[in-house]
Amino acid sequence: MEGSDKFFVVVIVMSIIFTGLGTYLFLIDRKLSRIEKKLKEFRESKNKDK
């Protein structure tokens, strides 16, 4: 392998890692948004009962 080939391998591996990390963070954000929405609805329904 030449130096430029190694560079491209590093770039590809880093791209895969950052893509995976970005996808993971996006999915966590969606789950957190759903939980926050459910919590808000729960609090609103609890306040109506009082």
PDB file of N, CA and C in Angstrom:
ATOM      1  N   MET A   1       0.839  -1.196   0.000  1.00  0.00           N
ATOM      2  CA  MET A   1       0.000   0.000   0.000  1.00  0.00           C
ATOM      3  C   MET A   1       0.874   1.247   0.000  1.00  0.00           C
ATOM      4  N   GLU A   2       0.492   2.159  -0.820  1.00  0.00           N
ATOM      5  CA  GLU A   2       1.205   3.429  -0.839  1.00  0.00           C
ATOM      6  C   GLU A   2       0.609   4.347   0.218  1.00  0.00           C
ATOM      7  N   GLY A   3       1.271   5.459   0.435  1.00  0.00           N
ATOM      8  CA  GLY A   3       0.807   6.405   1.438  1.00  0.00           C
ATOM      9  C   GLY A   3      -0.570   6.954   1.137  1.00  0.00           C
ATOM     10  N   SER A   4      -0.860   7.211  -0.140  1.00  0.00           N
ATOM     11  CA  SER A   4      -2.162   7.776  -0.496  1.00  0.00           C
ATOM     12  C   SER A   4      -3.276   6.749  -0.304  1.00  0.00           C
ATOM     13  N   ASP A   5      -2.962   5.460  -0.515  1.00  0.00           N
ATOM     14  CA  ASP A   5      -3.961   4.416  -0.280  1.00  0.00           C
ATOM     15  C   ASP A   5      -4.322   4.331   1.194  1.00  0.00           C
ATOM     16  N   LYS A   6      -3.328   4.440   2.057  1.00  0.00           N
ATOM     17  CA  LYS A   6      -3.580   4.402   3.501  1.00  0.00           C
ATOM     18  C   LYS A   6      -4.441   5.591   3.924  1.00  0.00           C
ATOM     19  N   PHE A   7      -4.166   6.735   3.315  1.00  0.00           N
ATOM     20  CA  PHE A   7      -4.937   7.933   3.628  1.00  0.00           C
ATOM     21  C   PHE A   7      -6.411   7.725   3.296  1.00  0.00           C
ATOM     22  N   PHE A   8      -6.688   7.153   2.133  1.00  0.00           N
ATOM     23  CA  PHE A   8      -8.079   6.929   1.737  1.00  0.00           C
ATOM     24  C   PHE A   8      -8.763   5.909   2.639  1.00  0.00           C
ATOM     25  N   VAL A   9      -8.026   4.911   3.097  1.00  0.00           N
ATOM     26  CA  VAL A   9      -8.593   3.932   4.024  1.00  0.00           C
ATOM     27  C   VAL A   9      -8.970   4.621   5.327  1.00  0.00           C
ATOM     28  N   VAL A  10      -8.103   5.487   5.821  1.00  0.00           N
ATOM     29  CA  VAL A  10      -8.391   6.225   7.059  1.00  0.00           C
ATOM     30  C   VAL A  10      -9.611   7.118   6.868  1.00  0.00           C
ATOM     31  N   VAL A  11      -9.696   7.800   5.741  1.00  0.00           N
ATOM     32  CA  VAL A  11     -10.841   8.679   5.466  1.00  0.00           C
ATOM     33  C   VAL A  11     -12.131   7.866   5.408  1.00  0.00           C
ATOM     34  N   ILE A  12     -12.101   6.718   4.766  1.00  0.00           N
ATOM     35  CA  ILE A  12     -13.302   5.877   4.665  1.00  0.00           C
ATOM     36  C   ILE A  12     -13.724   5.364   6.033  1.00  0.00           C
ATOM     37  N   VAL A  13     -12.759   4.898   6.832  1.00  0.00           N
ATOM     38  CA  VAL A  13     -13.085   4.391   8.170  1.00  0.00           C
ATOM     39  C   VAL A  13     -13.658   5.506   9.038  1.00  0.00           C
ATOM     40  N   MET A  14     -13.061   6.696   8.990  1.00  0.00           N
ATOM     41  CA  MET A  14     -13.570   7.818   9.784  1.00  0.00           C
ATOM     42  C   MET A  14     -14.969   8.220   9.314  1.00  0.00           C
ATOM     43  N   SER A  15     -15.203   8.168   8.012  1.00  0.00           N
ATOM     44  CA  SER A  15     -16.536   8.490   7.491  1.00  0.00           C
ATOM     45  C   SER A  15     -17.575   7.501   8.002  1.00  0.00           C
ATOM     46  N   ILE A  16     -17.223   6.232   8.022  1.00  0.00           N
ATOM     47  CA  ILE A  16     -18.145   5.208   8.532  1.00  0.00           C
ATOM     48  C   ILE A  16     -18.431   5.439  10.008  1.00  0.00           C
ATOM     49  N   ILE A  17     -17.391   5.745  10.780  1.00  0.00           N
ATOM     50  CA  ILE A  17     -17.573   5.980  12.221  1.00  0.00           C
ATOM     51  C   ILE A  17     -18.471   7.189  12.458  1.00  0.00           C
ATOM     52  N   PHE A  18     -18.210   8.303  11.766  1.00  0.00           N
ATOM     53  CA  PHE A  18     -19.019   9.505  11.976  1.00  0.00           C
ATOM     54  C   PHE A  18     -20.450   9.329  11.483  1.00  0.00           C
ATOM     55  N   THR A  19     -20.635   8.583  10.409  1.00  0.00           N
ATOM     56  CA  THR A  19     -21.989   8.306   9.928  1.00  0.00           C
ATOM     57  C   THR A  19     -22.756   7.476  10.949  1.00  0.00           C
ATOM     58  N   GLY A  20     -22.109   6.470  11.498  1.00  0.00           N
ATOM     59  CA  GLY A  20     -22.748   5.647  12.525  1.00  0.00           C
ATOM     60  C   GLY A  20     -23.077   6.448  13.768  1.00  0.00           C
ATOM     61  N   LEU A  21     -22.150   7.289  14.188  1.00  0.00           N
ATOM     62  CA  LEU A  21     -22.374   8.122  15.369  1.00  0.00           C
ATOM     63  C   LEU A  21     -23.515   9.110  15.135  1.00  0.00           C
ATOM     64  N   GLY A  22     -23.544   9.709  13.957  1.00  0.00           N
ATOM     65  CA  GLY A  22     -24.625  10.644  13.629  1.00  0.00           C
ATOM     66  C   GLY A  22     -25.977   9.962  13.609  1.00  0.00           C
ATOM     67  N   THR A  23     -26.028   8.765  13.035  1.00  0.00           N
ATOM     68  CA  THR A  23     -27.279   8.003  13.007  1.00  0.00           C
ATOM     69  C   THR A  23     -27.728   7.657  14.416  1.00  0.00           C
ATOM     70  N   TYR A  24     -26.792   7.225  15.246  1.00  0.00           N
ATOM     71  CA  TYR A  24     -27.106   6.879  16.633  1.00  0.00           C
ATOM     72  C   TYR A  24     -27.669   8.093  17.378  1.00  0.00           C
ATOM     73  N   LEU A  25     -27.020   9.231  17.235  1.00  0.00           N
ATOM     74  CA  LEU A  25     -27.495  10.440  17.919  1.00  0.00           C
ATOM     75  C   LEU A  25     -28.864  10.872  17.404  1.00  0.00           C
ATOM     76  N   PHE A  26     -29.107  10.728  16.111  1.00  0.00           N
ATOM     77  CA  PHE A  26     -30.409  11.069  15.539  1.00  0.00           C
ATOM     78  C   PHE A  26     -31.503  10.185  16.129  1.00  0.00           C
ATOM     79  N   LEU A  27     -31.232   8.878  16.231  1.00  0.00           N
ATOM     80  CA  LEU A  27     -32.229   7.958  16.779  1.00  0.00           C
ATOM     81  C   LEU A  27     -32.480   8.228  18.261  1.00  0.00           C
ATOM     82  N   ILE A  28     -31.437   8.529  19.014  1.00  0.00           N
ATOM     83  CA  ILE A  28     -31.594   8.862  20.433  1.00  0.00           C
ATOM     84  C   ILE A  28     -32.430  10.133  20.578  1.00  0.00           C
ATOM     85  N   ASP A  29     -32.200  11.116  19.711  1.00  0.00           N
ATOM     86  CA  ASP A  29     -32.964  12.362  19.762  1.00  0.00           C
ATOM     87  C   ASP A  29     -34.442  12.107  19.499  1.00  0.00           C
ATOM     88  N   ARG A  30     -34.749  11.245  18.530  1.00  0.00           N
ATOM     89  CA  ARG A  30     -36.151  10.918  18.239  1.00  0.00           C
ATOM     90  C   ARG A  30     -36.807  10.232  19.430  1.00  0.00           C
ATOM     91  N   LYS A  31     -36.106   9.283  20.042  1.00  0.00           N
ATOM     92  CA  LYS A  31     -36.670   8.583  21.198  1.00  0.00           C
ATOM     93  C   LYS A  31     -36.900   9.550  22.352  1.00  0.00           C
ATOM     94  N   LEU A  32     -35.949  10.444  22.575  1.00  0.00           N
ATOM     95  CA  LEU A  32     -36.079  11.414  23.651  1.00  0.00           C
ATOM     96  C   LEU A  32     -37.248  12.357  23.398  1.00  0.00           C
ATOM     97  N   SER A  33     -37.439  12.753  22.158  1.00  0.00           N
ATOM     98  CA  SER A  33     -38.571  13.625  21.820  1.00  0.00           C
ATOM     99  C   SER A  33     -39.899  12.936  22.110  1.00  0.00           C
ATOM    100  N   ARG A  34     -39.984  11.649  21.784  1.00  0.00           N
ATOM    101  CA  ARG A  34     -41.216  10.897  22.075  1.00  0.00           C
ATOM    102  C   ARG A  34     -41.466  10.822  23.576  1.00  0.00           C
ATOM    103  N   ILE A  35     -40.420  10.568  24.344  1.00  0.00           N
ATOM    104  CA  ILE A  35     -40.568  10.474  25.797  1.00  0.00           C
ATOM    105  C   ILE A  35     -41.000  11.820  26.367  1.00  0.00           C
ATOM    106  N   GLU A  36     -40.391  12.913  25.884  1.00  0.00           N
ATOM    107  CA  GLU A  36     -40.773  14.243  26.361  1.00  0.00           C
ATOM    108  C   GLU A  36     -42.230  14.545  26.032  1.00  0.00           C
ATOM    109  N   LYS A  37     -42.683  14.142  24.858  1.00  0.00           N
ATOM    110  CA  LYS A  37     -44.072  14.374  24.464  1.00  0.00           C
ATOM    111  C   LYS A  37     -45.017  13.601  25.377  1.00  0.00           C
ATOM    112  N   LYS A  38     -44.696  12.339  25.656  1.00  0.00           N
ATOM    113  CA  LYS A  38     -45.536  11.537  26.546  1.00  0.00           C
ATOM    114  C   LYS A  38     -45.564  12.125  27.953  1.00  0.00           C
ATOM    115  N   LEU A  39     -44.420  12.608  28.428  1.00  0.00           N
ATOM    116  CA  LEU A  39     -44.354  13.204  29.757  1.00  0.00           C
ATOM    117  C   LEU A  39     -45.206  14.467  29.818  1.00  0.00           C
ATOM    118  N   LYS A  40     -45.145  15.273  28.757  1.00  0.00           N
ATOM    119  CA  LYS A  40     -45.952  16.495  28.711  1.00  0.00           C
ATOM    120  C   LYS A  40     -47.438  16.154  28.729  1.00  0.00           C
ATOM    121  N   GLU A  41     -47.841  15.148  27.933  1.00  0.00           N
ATOM    122  CA  GLU A  41     -49.246  14.733  27.911  1.00  0.00           C
ATOM    123  C   GLU A  41     -49.671  14.186  29.271  1.00  0.00           C
ATOM    124  N   PHE A  42     -48.798  13.440  29.921  1.00  0.00           N
ATOM    125  CA  PHE A  42     -49.110  12.884  31.239  1.00  0.00           C
ATOM    126  C   PHE A  42     -49.318  13.998  32.255  1.00  0.00           C
ATOM    127  N   ARG A  43     -48.428  14.993  32.227  1.00  0.00           N
ATOM    128  CA  ARG A  43     -48.556  16.103  33.177  1.00  0.00           C
ATOM    129  C   ARG A  43     -49.823  16.907  32.923  1.00  0.00           C
ATOM    130  N   GLU A  44     -50.174  17.103  31.646  1.00  0.00           N
ATOM    131  CA  GLU A  44     -51.389  17.849  31.325  1.00  0.00           C
ATOM    132  C   GLU A  44     -52.632  17.094  31.779  1.00  0.00           C
ATOM    133  N   SER A  45     -52.641  15.785  31.589  1.00  0.00           N
ATOM    134  CA  SER A  45     -53.806  15.005  32.012  1.00  0.00           C
ATOM    135  C   SER A  45     -53.889  14.943  33.532  1.00  0.00           C
ATOM    136  N   LYS A  46     -52.746  14.956  34.199  1.00  0.00           N
ATOM    137  CA  LYS A  46     -52.731  14.933  35.658  1.00  0.00           C
ATOM    138  C   LYS A  46     -53.263  16.256  36.211  1.00  0.00           C
ATOM    139  N   ASN A  47     -52.925  17.367  35.554  1.00  0.00           N
ATOM    140  CA  ASN A  47     -53.401  18.675  36.000  1.00  0.00           C
ATOM    141  C   ASN A  47     -54.895  18.842  35.759  1.00  0.00           C
ATOM    142  N   LYS A  48     -55.449  18.193  34.742  1.00  0.00           N
ATOM    143  CA  LYS A  48     -56.883  18.277  34.482  1.00  0.00           C
ATOM    144  C   LYS A  48     -57.681  17.577  35.568  1.00  0.00           C
ATOM    145  N   ASP A  49     -57.108  16.536  36.152  1.00  0.00           N
ATOM    146  CA  ASP A  49     -57.803  15.775  37.183  1.00  0.00           C
ATOM    147  C   ASP A  49     -57.936  16.551  38.481  1.00  0.00           C
ATOM    148  N   LYS A  50     -57.084  17.525  38.701  1.00  0.00           N
ATOM    149  CA  LYS A  50     -57.105  18.263  39.976  1.00  0.00           C
ATOM    150  C   LYS A  50     -58.230  19.247  40.032  1.00  0.00           C
TER     151      LYS A  50
END
